[in-house]
Amino acid sequence: MRFCTIPTINYPYRLGRSFCFLVNYSTSCAISSVNIIEESNTHNWNYLQLQSRMQDRAASGDLAEALETLNFMRSITGKPSVYDYNALFCRYLSSENVLLEQLVQVYIGMKRFGPAPNKTTFNILLNGLLSLGFLRDAYFFVEEMTKSGINPSFTFLSKWLKKSLKSGNLVDSIWIFEFMLRLDHLPTEPTLAMFICLLCKSKMLEEASRFCAALLSKNLTFQAYVFNPIIWALCKSGKSFLALQLFYMMKKKGMTHNVCSYTALLYGFGRECLWVDLYRCLDQMRSDGFKPNVITYTVIVKFLCDDGRIGEAFEILKFMEREGCDPDLVTYNVIIRALCLHDRAYDVAELLQVIHNRGFSPDAYTYSALSGGIMKVGKSQIAYELLCYVFSKNCTVDIVVYNIYFHCLCQNSRSREALSLLNRMAGGGIVPTIVSYNTILRGFCKYYKVEYALKLFEYFEWPKSGPDVVSFNTVLSAACKQGDFVLIQRVLHYMEYRGVEPDVISLTCLVHYLSTMGRFSESLRLLEFMVSRKRSKK
């Protein structure tokens, strides 16, 4: 049993157990010492010999023998001292056979019978536990240390926090960080940045904002990279004005931002289509002496294209060239996709020529942008021909391009060809996604091959997260349209077997089927169930 799980209120019970353990140990050690003295017929055991023997036993991981030797020292006045216990802990923790339960019992024995642990005792125990990777078990000794009126060192707490963050244990990391703040200890900037980044990745934006405010209240300055993760996280979650407040709060405290900080704000304003604020922020960035880079401009271009402002996106491209900031292939891919979505084939051809003249070779993202955009405007045949050309040239493509190609094939009644390609693709090392499987299922269901589609559920090697509700809805919808009650039952049973809950689309398909079959009372009951479930979720 790990002693980190023992709450403070249970110490008296633990102490009783330890007392029995140590009293028994003391008795056995006394008997052993008499035997040893009689057998050796000598009384020349001196302190240095006992100390050396005890340390050797502890270093070998034999705590029982080490404690027995420590007990022999009682015949020497003032021994064993706290320094002897510290040496025992240090050597034992460096061994490869550490039993934490026995270690804590020895510690509790020191508290109960003496000598009392000192600061060095706690430092040895805490640093030893960290080196062994027993991060959570350190809580016990940290609490014991503070109860003794001794605070852990900054060095230990920093090391503890860093190890906890690297292990991904956010709950423990928060506790350690708050404990450090209470002691007025601030982690190093790299550790702070790691902590804030982990909070943001875990969607704990409120906690991250609270800790940032606490840090700013210290009237200390930090480098921009410490707070950039929270600015980015707020902007990505549609809270760009909160990010802006934090941005100016940092500026007021004398902190200098960098290009990444401004790019985050521009991302937020673009994402929320706040174009006045975006251009104002861009001007402020330049007036503060920061030059936008290709990532900054690509962010702006992306959101302009998403909002249908392709003309403005081209103006940004021209501005980039005037500033000597050349667009990269990512920038061009973003615009290509937007042009395809707006059916501007001539502009696409011109831009592809520009890309060629600049020495870029189209990559998997270029092909997916082209074919995906063309597919979106309903020109599946053109997309199919483009992808056929791509495959004939043995271009390197990813699963996104394959998924678009599957869609083209299935749109043109070639689902079996798509299935065959999927098998070859998987054999070649490219792992299909749920989108790949769902696309092929939709292809078979489109032409009423529902029975075969249902068989594919067992044939496909689904990832851990699939099949999902979209997979089942694809087959269920087709079965409902065919009015095949047996197939509908099979789909619903299989959904239950896989633990997938029907959603509003599943239930709507069933309502439509029941109504078509004239089973209006059942259809009405299902509608009432849908309404009641929607209310319960609010």
Foldseek 3Di string as FASTA:
>chain_A
DQPLPDDPVCVVVLLVVLVVVVVVLLVVLVVVVVVVCVVVVDDPDDDVNLLVQLLVCLLQLNNSSSVSSQSVCVVPPPPPALVSVLSSLLNNLNHPHDDNSVVVSVQSVCVVPHDHHDPSSLVSNLVSCVVVVVLSSNVVSQVVQVVVVHHDDLVSLLSSLQSCLVVLPLVVNVVSCVVCVVVVRDHDLVSLQSNLLSCLVVVVLVVSVVVLVSVVVVLDADAQSNCLNSLLSCLVVLNLVVSVVSVVSNVVSVYDHALSSLLSSLLSCLVVVVVVVNVVSVVVCVVVPYDHALSSLLSNLLSCLVVVNLVVNVVSQVVCVVVVHHHDVSSLLSSLLSCLLVVVVVVNVVSVVVCVVVPHDDAQSSLLSNLVSVVNVPNLVVSLVSVVVCVVVVGDHAQSSLLSNCLSCLVVLNLVVNVVVQVVCVVVPHDHALSSLQSSLLSCLVVPVLVVSVVVVVVDPYDPVDDALSSLLSSLLSCLVVLPPVSNVVSVVVCVVVVYDHDPSNLVSVLVSCVVVVVNVVSVVSVVVNVVVVVVVD
